[in-house]
Amino acid sequence: MLCLDCKVTNINWMRRWSCPPYAIDPDDVKAMFKRYPYALVVNLESKLFPFINQSWDIFNPFLQISQKLYCHFYWSKLHRIMLSLKVYLKQSSIPYYVWGSSPCHACFKCSHPHECRKPESFLVSPEASGIDLYQLAKTLGIPIEIPPQQKIQLMSVALFEI
């Protein structure tokens, strides 16, 4: 499971509120998939226009910073889409659970270890909850470039009842 990656490498362990150990336990997520009969997978793609045909073998700080800002824009965009879906499902009184983009992008920098600054905009990372988005995309027939060459691709999931 993907959530174990943070536990093994300790790179982001306990550095964000949307990452382990604060994320939903993978066993609870399995139960949620059984409880909610419907799922919506949101797939956001964008061409890597400014970064196509760049050599990733050499150190280029401008290129790396530009890529980070470019990707953050699309992470935030997916986060806003998932928040809108969450608001819609809540207003419709439909039982649901919505994950965000990985990791939570309600804030540019997480306030961890202090209290979350935007709890109403907070969404848990699907990977931190044990959802393998690569396998999910493969199962659904969504082509993914690994590593990304021509496009960035972001995915998230929402579960709900009707």
Foldseek 3Di string as FASTA:
>chain_A
DLLCVCVVVVPCDQQACQAPPNHAALVVVVVLPVVFVDKDKDKDKDWPVVCAPPDPPDDDPVVVVVVVVVVLVVQVVQLVVQLVVVVVCVVVVWDKAWAGWPQQVPDVGAPPPDDGPCPSSHGHHPSNNPDDVVVVCVVVVNDDDVVDRTMDMTMIMMTTHD
